[in-house]
Amino acid sequence: MRFTAEDLENIQTKGINVDSVNEQIGIFKRGNLPVNIEKAATVGNGIIQLNDEEKKELSSFYDSQKEQLETIKFVPASGAATRMFKALHKCLTEFDPEKESVEEYLEKGENKELENFFNNIEKLPFYNQAVNYSRACEPGYDSLTRDARLYILVRTILFSPGLNLSEYPKGLVPFHNYGNFVATAFEEHLYEAAYLTASGGVAMIHFTVSEGHKEKFEAEFEKIQSRVEERTNTKFQISYSYQDPKTDTIAVDQNNEPFRTEDGDLFFRPGGHGALIGNLNSLEADVVFIKNIDNVVILEKAREVADYKKMLAGKLLELREQCFSYLRILDEPAISSEKLSEIQNFAEESLFSAFAVGFEQLGDEEKKEAIKDRLDRPLRVCGMVKNEGEPGGGPFLVNMQDGSRSLQIIEGAQIDQNNPRQKEIAQNATHFNPVDIVAGIKNYKGESFDLHQYIDPSTSFIAEKTSNGQPLRALELPGLWNGAMAKWNTVFIEVPVTTFNPVKTVADLLKDSHQPQ
């Protein structure tokens, strides 16, 4: 692709390599590469199911080791709340309280989410604040019809003057009303971090945020610090990072030519959450708990959920200890065939790894190197929740391009919907991915892995988007827990659905799991 001098300057300003831009354009021309799923991971075949005693033992094991480890919680939190309020934005453009009632409007759209929102609006954690703003900004508010008041409330929730929540980072939207205080998702993550990572009375937590939002998070912590530290008897070391602009990807038009703005400039978009592998790579820690910003629970459930996270961490440490022990043996000049076979069985049975075709024909020294390569990788233990009727992304056994097989977290968009067998496997999956991950990112010598070396670049994904009403094609980098971790060692453990409480829409805040008792 030939670029103008202005294009080259634009690319250089963003810190992106021209060759990388050309590679991205090549991916658009190539198209998405679907994964080759062998089967869905199920209990007994890729997913471990533990009994209560085993759960307790693993949780206790993590607690016994925690003081000797560097542990941190990693929370992607750069997303804005705009999508959370999408239905309310639509309502404001379509609903006219002078021409119809709320009920009449809802009947036209058959929108259960909005119906639940309006019927239970008083349960929202920011309801009282929204009413107070509405009264202050709208003279005669209390004398208006119910439909007009609801319209004004929605406008107040979304915009300024008002709460302006639609422009907030999602992590700073009020989630839970405890009566004497209202907690954001950010605050709830601190409570969980105190249970998970506190060592010597200090808990470490890292948030990836948008550059313009960092000061807002810092101001929120200053406001709640004394309350959170008093409740948890814990001090917090909070760090932040931004998505590197060098991970932005070029957009193209429908002909796979670079998409240009009205000013004729090249158009770049953020590369998706897969770009955050660089942020994760910069952490210095033995154990990292990874969880999305909107998946939090109310305080009375926090310890129970944290115990399941500790269980995952205990399994990680158990496996890591065995990996490290075997790797030290593999460093020795001489190793018996029996011991080599034992280590191979561990890789295949405990890490669910199948070596490439031809492995059994290798000599002992070649087998030794192949096994060492398999064990000496970042390790993650991921919670998986029983599927409640939602086919698509989740845990699968995947045939890799090098002929090996491994456990992978696969999104629905990665699955070849034109392949009947692949589609059937995905639709019959028993579990889904709640993004409940505990990661070990140091090797047996105590050195941090370079996580960039374990990305599968072929798992990038092309999505259809728009800019100012114009269609474009966007490139998503390999997802953080998908292709960005494709070459990690992965273990799946079943966790209950009670650990999964995401807030994707404002109506989710009305669920019992987000209503403090």
Protein backbone atom coordinates (compact mmCIF):
# COMPACT_ATOMS: atom_id res chain seq x y z
CA MET A 1 0.00 0.00 0.00
CA ARG A 2 1.37 3.40 -0.98
CA PHE A 3 0.81 6.16 1.54
CA THR A 4 1.11 9.93 1.10
CA ALA A 5 3.62 11.98 3.09
CA GLU A 6 0.72 13.13 5.29
CA ASP A 7 -0.31 9.50 5.85
CA LEU A 8 3.20 8.52 6.88
CA GLU A 9 3.38 11.45 9.29
CA ASN A 10 0.03 10.44 10.78
CA ILE A 11 1.20 6.84 11.22
CA GLN A 12 4.49 7.94 12.75
CA THR A 13 2.73 10.32 15.17
CA LYS A 14 0.73 7.39 16.55
CA GLY A 15 3.93 5.39 17.00
CA ILE A 16 2.76 2.68 14.63
CA ASN A 17 5.04 0.87 12.20
CA VAL A 18 4.11 1.23 8.50
CA ASP A 19 4.77 -2.49 7.99
CA SER A 20 2.23 -3.22 10.73
CA VAL A 21 -0.36 -1.09 8.95
CA ASN A 22 0.27 -3.00 5.72
CA GLU A 23 -0.04 -6.30 7.60
CA GLN A 24 -3.38 -5.15 8.98
CA ILE A 25 -4.64 -4.27 5.50
CA GLY A 26 -3.52 -7.74 4.40
CA ILE A 27 -5.67 -9.27 7.16
CA PHE A 28 -8.71 -7.38 5.85
CA LYS A 29 -8.07 -8.80 2.38
CA ARG A 30 -7.53 -12.30 3.79
CA GLY A 31 -10.63 -12.23 5.98
CA ASN A 32 -11.30 -13.84 9.35
CA LEU A 33 -9.70 -17.24 9.99
CA PRO A 34 -12.14 -19.45 11.91
CA VAL A 35 -10.78 -21.68 14.64
CA ASN A 36 -10.84 -25.46 14.30
CA ILE A 37 -12.88 -26.70 17.24
CA GLU A 38 -12.54 -30.40 18.02
CA LYS A 39 -15.20 -30.44 20.72
CA ALA A 40 -16.71 -28.35 23.48
CA ALA A 41 -14.97 -28.67 26.82
CA THR A 42 -17.29 -30.41 29.27
CA VAL A 43 -17.14 -31.67 32.84
CA GLY A 44 -14.70 -34.60 32.80
CA ASN A 45 -13.34 -33.64 29.39
CA GLY A 46 -11.64 -30.29 29.77
CA ILE A 47 -13.60 -28.86 32.71
CA ILE A 48 -12.80 -29.90 36.25
CA GLN A 49 -15.68 -30.25 38.70
CA LEU A 50 -14.65 -30.07 42.35
CA ASN A 51 -16.50 -31.17 45.46
CA ASP A 52 -16.91 -28.94 48.51
CA GLU A 53 -13.93 -30.44 50.33
CA GLU A 54 -11.63 -29.95 47.33
CA LYS A 55 -12.81 -26.35 46.94
CA LYS A 56 -12.10 -25.64 50.59
CA GLU A 57 -8.65 -27.25 50.42
CA LEU A 58 -7.59 -25.23 47.37
CA SER A 59 -8.89 -21.98 48.85
CA SER A 60 -7.00 -22.67 52.08
CA PHE A 61 -3.87 -23.56 50.12
CA TYR A 62 -3.94 -20.18 48.40
CA ASP A 63 -4.42 -18.41 51.73
CA SER A 64 -1.44 -20.27 53.17
CA GLN A 65 0.81 -19.18 50.31
CA LYS A 66 -0.46 -15.64 49.74
CA GLU A 67 1.93 -13.84 52.11
CA GLN A 68 4.94 -15.19 50.17
CA LEU A 69 3.57 -14.10 46.81
CA GLU A 70 3.09 -10.89 44.88
CA THR A 71 -0.62 -10.87 44.03
CA ILE A 72 -2.69 -8.27 42.21
CA LYS A 73 -6.16 -7.85 40.76
CA PHE A 74 -6.33 -6.67 37.14
CA VAL A 75 -9.55 -4.96 36.04
CA PRO A 76 -10.15 -3.71 32.47
CA ALA A 77 -12.16 -0.54 33.17
CA SER A 78 -11.73 1.73 30.16
CA GLY A 79 -15.26 1.26 28.84
CA ALA A 80 -17.77 4.11 28.95
CA ALA A 81 -21.32 3.53 30.22
CA THR A 82 -22.93 4.64 26.94
CA ARG A 83 -23.86 1.13 25.81
CA MET A 84 -25.32 0.38 29.24
CA PHE A 85 -27.91 3.12 28.66
CA LYS A 86 -28.57 2.37 24.97
CA ALA A 87 -32.28 1.55 25.50
CA LEU A 88 -32.80 4.81 27.41
CA HIS A 89 -31.23 6.86 24.61
CA LYS A 90 -33.62 5.18 22.16
CA CYS A 91 -36.54 5.88 24.46
CA LEU A 92 -35.80 9.61 24.59
CA THR A 93 -35.80 9.89 20.80
CA GLU A 94 -39.03 7.90 20.34
CA PHE A 95 -41.21 8.58 23.39
CA ASP A 96 -43.31 11.76 23.65
CA PRO A 97 -45.15 12.00 27.00
CA GLU A 98 -47.58 14.58 25.54
CA LYS A 99 -48.80 12.12 22.91
CA GLU A 100 -48.77 8.72 24.65
CA SER A 101 -48.29 7.01 27.97
CA VAL A 102 -45.25 4.97 28.92
CA GLU A 103 -47.38 1.82 28.72
CA GLU A 104 -48.50 2.65 25.18
CA TYR A 105 -44.92 3.30 24.13
CA LEU A 106 -43.74 0.01 25.63
CA GLU A 107 -46.50 -1.98 23.90
CA LYS A 108 -45.22 -0.82 20.52
CA GLY A 109 -41.70 -2.05 21.11
CA GLU A 110 -42.35 -5.08 23.32
CA ASN A 111 -39.21 -4.11 25.23
CA LYS A 112 -39.07 -6.19 28.42
CA GLU A 113 -35.91 -4.43 29.57
CA LEU A 114 -37.52 -0.97 29.44
CA GLU A 115 -40.74 -2.30 30.96
CA ASN A 116 -38.76 -3.62 33.92
CA PHE A 117 -36.86 -0.33 34.13
CA PHE A 118 -39.98 1.84 34.36
CA ASN A 119 -41.86 -0.54 36.67
CA ASN A 120 -38.98 -0.71 39.15
CA ILE A 121 -37.21 2.61 38.64
CA GLU A 122 -37.38 3.39 42.38
CA LYS A 123 -34.95 0.49 43.00
CA LEU A 124 -32.15 2.07 40.97
CA PRO A 125 -29.18 3.07 43.13
CA PHE A 126 -29.24 6.59 41.66
CA TYR A 127 -33.04 7.09 41.71
CA ASN A 128 -33.19 9.50 44.64
CA GLN A 129 -30.33 11.56 43.25
CA ALA A 130 -32.05 11.73 39.85
CA VAL A 131 -35.34 12.85 41.44
CA ASN A 132 -33.57 15.60 43.40
CA TYR A 133 -31.83 16.86 40.25
CA SER A 134 -35.10 16.77 38.32
CA ARG A 135 -36.90 18.80 40.97
CA ALA A 136 -34.11 21.35 41.03
CA CYS A 137 -33.92 21.73 37.24
CA GLU A 138 -37.61 21.38 36.32
CA PRO A 139 -39.98 23.80 38.12
CA GLY A 140 -43.27 22.12 38.94
CA TYR A 141 -41.81 18.64 38.50
CA ASP A 142 -44.04 17.07 41.18
CA SER A 143 -47.22 18.41 39.55
CA LEU A 144 -46.44 16.88 36.15
CA THR A 145 -48.03 13.67 34.89
CA ARG A 146 -46.28 10.39 35.70
CA ASP A 147 -45.28 10.00 32.04
CA ALA A 148 -43.70 13.47 31.92
CA ARG A 149 -41.84 12.83 35.20
CA LEU A 150 -40.44 9.56 33.88
CA TYR A 151 -39.29 11.26 30.69
CA ILE A 152 -37.51 13.96 32.70
CA LEU A 153 -35.96 11.35 35.00
CA VAL A 154 -34.48 9.47 32.04
CA ARG A 155 -33.10 12.71 30.62
CA THR A 156 -31.66 13.61 34.03
CA ILE A 157 -30.00 10.21 34.42
CA LEU A 158 -28.34 10.43 31.01
CA PHE A 159 -27.37 14.07 30.53
CA SER A 160 -26.17 17.30 32.10
CA PRO A 161 -27.68 19.20 33.84
CA GLY A 162 -28.31 16.01 35.73
CA LEU A 163 -26.32 12.93 36.60
CA ASN A 164 -24.78 12.65 33.11
CA LEU A 165 -24.18 8.93 33.71
CA SER A 166 -24.10 8.14 30.00
CA GLU A 167 -20.77 9.95 29.77
CA TYR A 168 -19.28 8.30 32.86
CA PRO A 169 -16.79 5.46 32.78
CA LYS A 170 -18.80 2.37 33.60
CA GLY A 171 -16.73 1.72 36.71
CA LEU A 172 -17.94 4.98 38.29
CA VAL A 173 -21.67 4.47 37.70
CA PRO A 174 -23.49 3.86 41.02
CA PHE A 175 -24.31 0.14 41.21
CA HIS A 176 -25.53 -0.65 44.74
CA ASN A 177 -27.53 1.37 47.27
CA TYR A 178 -26.79 0.35 50.86
CA GLY A 179 -28.99 3.01 52.42
CA ASN A 180 -26.26 5.01 54.14
CA PHE A 181 -24.05 5.02 51.03
CA VAL A 182 -24.11 4.13 47.32
CA ALA A 183 -21.23 2.07 45.87
CA THR A 184 -19.86 2.14 42.34
CA ALA A 185 -18.46 -0.92 40.56
CA PHE A 186 -15.01 0.54 41.29
CA GLU A 187 -15.68 0.45 45.03
CA GLU A 188 -17.04 -3.10 44.94
CA HIS A 189 -13.85 -4.28 43.24
CA LEU A 190 -11.85 -2.86 46.14
CA TYR A 191 -13.81 -4.94 48.65
CA GLU A 192 -13.15 -8.10 46.62
CA ALA A 193 -9.49 -7.19 46.22
CA ALA A 194 -9.18 -6.96 50.01
CA TYR A 195 -10.35 -10.57 50.29
CA LEU A 196 -8.16 -11.78 47.43
CA THR A 197 -4.84 -9.95 47.38
CA ALA A 198 -4.37 -8.39 50.82
CA SER A 199 -0.93 -9.25 52.19
CA GLY A 200 0.49 -7.56 55.25
CA GLY A 201 -2.67 -5.45 55.37
CA VAL A 202 -2.19 -4.10 51.83
CA ALA A 203 -4.17 -5.06 48.72
CA MET A 204 -2.96 -4.34 45.19
CA ILE A 205 -5.32 -3.64 42.32
CA HIS A 206 -4.72 -2.34 38.80
CA PHE A 207 -7.30 -0.68 36.55
CA THR A 208 -6.90 -0.04 32.84
CA VAL A 209 -8.75 3.21 32.17
CA SER A 210 -9.25 5.79 29.44
CA GLU A 211 -6.69 8.54 29.75
CA GLY A 212 -9.36 11.19 30.33
CA HIS A 213 -10.94 9.19 33.16
CA LYS A 214 -7.96 8.54 35.45
CA GLU A 215 -8.50 11.70 37.52
CA LYS A 216 -12.16 10.73 38.02
CA PHE A 217 -11.15 7.34 39.43
CA GLU A 218 -8.57 8.97 41.68
CA ALA A 219 -11.16 11.46 42.93
CA GLU A 220 -13.61 8.63 43.62
CA PHE A 221 -11.02 6.74 45.65
CA GLU A 222 -10.22 9.85 47.67
CA LYS A 223 -13.93 10.17 48.45
CA ILE A 224 -14.44 6.55 49.55
CA GLN A 225 -10.97 5.67 50.87
CA SER A 226 -11.68 5.99 54.58
CA ARG A 227 -14.91 3.99 54.30
CA VAL A 228 -13.38 1.13 52.29
CA GLU A 229 -10.22 0.90 54.39
CA GLU A 230 -12.22 0.92 57.62
CA ARG A 231 -14.61 -1.79 56.41
CA THR A 232 -11.82 -4.06 55.15
CA ASN A 233 -9.05 -3.17 57.62
CA THR A 234 -6.88 -2.93 54.50
CA LYS A 235 -4.81 -0.29 52.73
CA PHE A 236 -4.94 -0.19 48.93
CA GLN A 237 -2.21 0.27 46.37
CA ILE A 238 -4.11 1.26 43.24
CA SER A 239 -2.34 1.64 39.90
CA TYR A 240 -3.66 2.65 36.51
CA SER A 241 -2.64 2.28 32.89
CA TYR A 242 -4.00 3.29 29.49
CA GLN A 243 -4.46 1.35 26.29
CA ASP A 244 -1.34 2.09 24.25
CA PRO A 245 -2.25 4.14 21.13
CA LYS A 246 0.33 2.06 19.24
CA THR A 247 -2.20 -0.79 19.47
CA ASP A 248 -4.79 1.16 17.46
CA THR A 249 -5.62 -0.48 14.13
CA ILE A 250 -6.37 1.05 10.76
CA ALA A 251 -9.94 0.95 9.41
CA VAL A 252 -10.74 0.21 5.78
CA ASP A 253 -13.71 0.75 3.49
CA GLN A 254 -15.77 -1.96 1.82
CA ASN A 255 -13.05 -2.33 -0.85
CA ASN A 256 -10.35 -2.84 1.80
CA GLU A 257 -8.80 0.52 1.03
CA PRO A 258 -7.83 2.72 4.01
CA PHE A 259 -10.89 4.49 5.38
CA ARG A 260 -10.49 8.26 5.49
CA THR A 261 -12.12 11.00 7.52
CA GLU A 262 -13.88 13.97 5.95
CA ASP A 263 -10.50 15.74 6.11
CA GLY A 264 -8.85 12.93 4.15
CA ASP A 265 -6.88 11.56 7.12
CA LEU A 266 -6.35 7.87 7.80
CA PHE A 267 -8.78 6.58 10.40
CA PHE A 268 -7.54 4.44 13.28
CA ARG A 269 -9.63 2.72 15.96
CA PRO A 270 -8.74 1.16 19.33
CA GLY A 271 -7.76 -2.47 18.78
CA GLY A 272 -10.13 -3.94 21.39
CA HIS A 273 -9.41 -5.47 24.78
CA GLY A 274 -6.73 -7.69 23.25
CA ALA A 275 -4.51 -4.60 23.27
CA LEU A 276 -4.46 -4.86 27.08
CA ILE A 277 -2.07 -7.83 26.95
CA GLY A 278 0.64 -5.16 26.98
CA ASN A 279 -0.80 -3.65 30.17
CA LEU A 280 -0.92 -7.08 31.78
CA ASN A 281 2.63 -7.74 30.61
CA SER A 282 3.88 -4.70 32.51
CA LEU A 283 2.73 -6.02 35.90
CA GLU A 284 5.23 -7.49 38.34
CA ALA A 285 3.30 -10.23 40.10
CA ASP A 286 3.22 -13.97 40.74
CA VAL A 287 -0.56 -14.26 40.65
CA VAL A 288 -3.02 -12.00 38.81
CA PHE A 289 -6.78 -12.10 39.27
CA ILE A 290 -8.53 -10.90 36.08
CA LYS A 291 -12.14 -9.76 36.15
CA ASN A 292 -14.30 -7.32 34.18
CA ILE A 293 -15.32 -4.00 35.75
CA ASP A 294 -19.08 -4.67 35.54
CA ASN A 295 -19.04 -8.12 37.17
CA VAL A 296 -19.43 -7.34 40.87
CA VAL A 297 -21.65 -8.47 43.72
CA ILE A 298 -23.22 -6.81 46.74
CA LEU A 299 -21.20 -6.79 49.97
CA GLU A 300 -23.03 -9.68 51.63
CA LYS A 301 -22.02 -11.92 48.70
CA ALA A 302 -18.46 -10.66 48.25
CA ARG A 303 -16.73 -13.13 50.57
CA GLU A 304 -18.53 -16.13 49.05
CA VAL A 305 -17.53 -15.08 45.52
CA ALA A 306 -13.97 -14.35 46.66
CA ASP A 307 -13.69 -17.89 48.05
CA TYR A 308 -14.28 -19.26 44.54
CA LYS A 309 -11.55 -16.96 43.21
CA LYS A 310 -9.22 -18.29 45.90
CA MET A 311 -10.13 -21.82 44.83
CA LEU A 312 -9.01 -21.02 41.28
CA ALA A 313 -5.83 -19.46 42.65
CA GLY A 314 -5.15 -22.53 44.79
CA LYS A 315 -5.42 -24.75 41.72
CA LEU A 316 -3.11 -22.40 39.83
CA LEU A 317 -0.47 -22.62 42.57
CA GLU A 318 -0.82 -26.41 42.76
CA LEU A 319 -0.28 -26.77 39.01
CA ARG A 320 2.45 -24.13 38.94
CA GLU A 321 4.36 -25.91 41.69
CA GLN A 322 4.26 -29.17 39.73
CA CYS A 323 5.25 -27.45 36.47
CA PHE A 324 8.20 -25.75 38.16
CA SER A 325 9.34 -29.00 39.73
CA TYR A 326 9.25 -30.82 36.40
CA LEU A 327 11.00 -27.97 34.58
CA ARG A 328 13.91 -28.13 37.01
CA ILE A 329 14.16 -31.86 36.34
CA LEU A 330 14.09 -31.19 32.60
CA ASP A 331 17.05 -28.83 33.07
CA GLU A 332 19.17 -31.75 34.28
CA PRO A 333 21.49 -33.30 31.67
CA ALA A 334 20.16 -36.82 32.15
CA ILE A 335 16.56 -37.90 32.64
CA SER A 336 15.10 -41.39 32.46
CA SER A 337 12.52 -42.39 29.89
CA GLU A 338 10.16 -43.25 32.75
CA LYS A 339 10.41 -39.76 34.25
CA LEU A 340 9.99 -38.18 30.82
CA SER A 341 6.85 -40.26 30.30
CA GLU A 342 5.55 -39.14 33.71
CA ILE A 343 6.03 -35.47 32.82
CA GLN A 344 4.40 -36.02 29.42
CA ASN A 345 1.37 -37.56 31.14
CA PHE A 346 1.13 -34.54 33.44
CA ALA A 347 1.10 -32.18 30.45
CA GLU A 348 -1.55 -34.23 28.67
CA GLU A 349 -3.79 -35.08 31.61
CA SER A 350 -3.44 -32.12 34.00
CA LEU A 351 -2.95 -29.38 31.40
CA PHE A 352 -5.15 -31.03 28.73
CA SER A 353 -2.44 -30.57 26.10
CA ALA A 354 -2.05 -32.90 23.15
CA PHE A 355 1.33 -32.78 21.43
CA ALA A 356 1.61 -32.40 17.67
CA VAL A 357 1.40 -35.38 15.32
CA GLY A 358 4.77 -37.14 15.16
CA PHE A 359 5.68 -36.45 18.78
CA GLU A 360 5.82 -40.15 19.68
CA GLN A 361 8.37 -40.77 16.92
CA LEU A 362 10.82 -38.26 18.42
CA GLY A 363 13.89 -39.32 20.34
CA ASP A 364 14.08 -38.71 24.11
CA GLU A 365 16.11 -35.51 23.76
CA GLU A 366 13.67 -34.04 21.24
CA LYS A 367 10.73 -35.10 23.40
CA LYS A 368 12.39 -33.46 26.37
CA GLU A 369 12.65 -30.14 24.55
CA ALA A 370 9.06 -30.33 23.30
CA ILE A 371 7.74 -31.11 26.77
CA LYS A 372 9.82 -28.34 28.31
CA ASP A 373 8.45 -25.89 25.75
CA ARG A 374 4.92 -26.97 26.65
CA LEU A 375 5.37 -26.55 30.42
CA ASP A 376 7.42 -23.35 30.36
CA ARG A 377 4.54 -21.00 29.52
CA PRO A 378 2.19 -18.60 31.30
CA LEU A 379 -0.51 -20.50 33.14
CA ARG A 380 -4.14 -19.59 33.72
CA VAL A 381 -6.98 -21.25 35.59
CA CYS A 382 -10.39 -20.06 34.40
CA GLY A 383 -13.78 -20.41 36.01
CA MET A 384 -16.53 -21.65 33.69
CA VAL A 385 -20.26 -21.33 34.32
CA LYS A 386 -22.99 -23.72 33.18
CA ASN A 387 -24.64 -22.47 30.02
CA GLU A 388 -28.23 -21.38 30.55
CA GLY A 389 -29.31 -21.45 26.92
CA GLU A 390 -26.84 -19.04 25.36
CA PRO A 391 -24.83 -20.81 22.62
CA GLY A 392 -21.58 -19.32 21.34
CA GLY A 393 -18.39 -18.32 23.12
CA GLY A 394 -16.98 -20.47 25.85
CA PRO A 395 -14.50 -23.27 26.64
CA PHE A 396 -13.44 -25.55 23.79
CA LEU A 397 -10.78 -28.08 22.86
CA VAL A 398 -9.17 -26.60 19.76
CA ASN A 399 -6.87 -28.06 17.12
CA MET A 400 -4.04 -25.58 16.76
CA GLN A 401 -2.20 -24.71 13.56
CA ASP A 402 0.98 -26.52 14.70
CA GLY A 403 -0.93 -29.80 14.99
CA SER A 404 -1.25 -29.71 18.78
CA ARG A 405 -4.50 -29.45 20.74
CA SER A 406 -5.27 -27.21 23.71
CA LEU A 407 -8.04 -25.68 25.75
CA GLN A 408 -9.13 -22.26 24.48
CA ILE A 409 -11.73 -19.63 25.27
CA ILE A 410 -13.49 -19.01 21.97
CA GLU A 411 -15.96 -16.24 21.18
CA GLY A 412 -18.96 -16.86 18.96
CA ALA A 413 -17.53 -14.56 16.29
CA GLN A 414 -14.51 -16.87 15.91
CA ILE A 415 -16.66 -19.88 15.03
CA ASP A 416 -17.26 -20.78 11.38
CA GLN A 417 -21.04 -20.44 11.13
CA ASN A 418 -20.92 -21.84 7.59
CA ASN A 419 -19.50 -25.14 8.85
CA PRO A 420 -22.44 -27.24 10.15
CA ARG A 421 -20.25 -29.39 12.40
CA GLN A 422 -18.47 -26.43 14.00
CA LYS A 423 -21.78 -24.64 14.46
CA GLU A 424 -23.36 -27.70 16.09
CA ILE A 425 -20.44 -28.12 18.51
CA ALA A 426 -20.78 -24.49 19.59
CA GLN A 427 -24.54 -24.67 19.99
CA ASN A 428 -24.29 -27.73 22.22
CA ALA A 429 -21.64 -26.28 24.52
CA THR A 430 -22.46 -26.87 28.19
CA HIS A 431 -20.55 -23.91 29.70
CA PHE A 432 -19.72 -20.28 28.93
CA ASN A 433 -16.89 -17.92 29.78
CA PRO A 434 -17.62 -15.39 32.57
CA VAL A 435 -14.08 -13.88 32.42
CA ASP A 436 -13.05 -15.30 35.78
CA ILE A 437 -9.32 -15.87 35.40
CA VAL A 438 -6.35 -16.36 37.70
CA ALA A 439 -3.01 -16.07 35.90
CA GLY A 440 0.57 -17.04 36.67
CA ILE A 441 2.88 -14.80 34.62
CA LYS A 442 6.32 -15.72 36.01
CA ASN A 443 8.46 -18.70 35.01
CA TYR A 444 10.20 -21.26 37.19
CA LYS A 445 13.26 -19.03 37.46
CA GLY A 446 11.21 -16.19 38.91
CA GLU A 447 11.35 -14.15 35.70
CA SER A 448 8.32 -12.51 34.10
CA PHE A 449 7.19 -14.06 30.84
CA ASP A 450 7.03 -11.81 27.79
CA LEU A 451 3.32 -12.31 27.20
CA HIS A 452 3.55 -10.98 23.65
CA GLN A 453 5.33 -14.22 22.71
CA TYR A 454 2.20 -16.26 23.47
CA ILE A 455 -0.31 -14.47 21.23
CA ASP A 456 -1.86 -16.20 18.23
CA PRO A 457 -1.97 -13.34 15.68
CA SER A 458 -4.20 -15.33 13.33
CA THR A 459 -7.13 -14.89 15.76
CA SER A 460 -7.63 -11.18 15.03
CA PHE A 461 -11.18 -10.41 13.99
CA ILE A 462 -12.77 -8.14 11.37
CA ALA A 463 -15.95 -6.34 12.42
CA GLU A 464 -18.38 -4.18 10.48
CA LYS A 465 -18.68 -0.69 12.01
CA THR A 466 -19.65 2.85 11.05
CA SER A 467 -18.16 6.32 11.47
CA ASN A 468 -20.42 9.35 11.05
CA GLY A 469 -22.90 7.09 9.31
CA GLN A 470 -20.33 5.71 6.85
CA PRO A 471 -19.72 1.93 6.84
CA LEU A 472 -16.21 0.73 7.56
CA ARG A 473 -14.37 -2.45 8.47
CA ALA A 474 -12.52 -2.51 11.79
CA LEU A 475 -9.82 -4.86 13.02
CA GLU A 476 -10.02 -6.24 16.56
CA LEU A 477 -6.74 -7.58 17.93
CA PRO A 478 -6.73 -11.15 19.33
CA GLY A 479 -8.94 -10.88 22.44
CA LEU A 480 -7.28 -10.60 25.85
CA TRP A 481 -8.56 -13.99 27.06
CA ASN A 482 -8.90 -15.44 23.53
CA GLY A 483 -6.09 -15.22 20.99
CA ALA A 484 -3.87 -13.05 23.20
CA MET A 485 -3.60 -16.02 25.60
CA ALA A 486 -3.88 -18.77 22.98
CA LYS A 487 -0.43 -20.20 23.67
CA TRP A 488 -0.77 -20.21 27.46
CA ASN A 489 -1.37 -23.38 29.46
CA THR A 490 -5.05 -23.35 30.37
CA VAL A 491 -7.20 -25.20 32.89
CA PHE A 492 -10.97 -24.82 33.27
CA ILE A 493 -12.87 -25.30 36.55
CA GLU A 494 -16.63 -25.15 36.97
CA VAL A 495 -17.88 -22.28 39.14
CA PRO A 496 -21.51 -21.48 40.06
CA VAL A 497 -23.56 -18.94 38.14
CA THR A 498 -23.84 -16.90 41.36
CA THR A 499 -20.27 -15.71 40.70
CA PHE A 500 -21.38 -14.11 37.42
CA ASN A 501 -23.34 -10.87 37.87
CA PRO A 502 -22.47 -8.53 34.99
CA VAL A 503 -24.27 -5.24 34.43
CA LYS A 504 -24.57 -4.96 30.66
CA THR A 505 -27.70 -2.79 30.68
CA VAL A 506 -29.17 -0.42 33.26
CA ALA A 507 -32.00 -2.91 33.88
CA ASP A 508 -29.45 -5.43 35.18
CA LEU A 509 -29.09 -3.22 38.27
CA LEU A 510 -32.66 -4.18 39.16
CA LYS A 511 -31.85 -7.88 39.49
CA ASP A 512 -31.95 -9.37 43.00
CA SER A 513 -28.18 -9.97 42.84
CA HIS A 514 -27.67 -6.18 42.72
CA GLN A 515 -30.23 -5.26 45.40
CA PRO A 516 -28.66 -5.14 48.88
CA GLN A 517 -30.87 -6.58 51.60
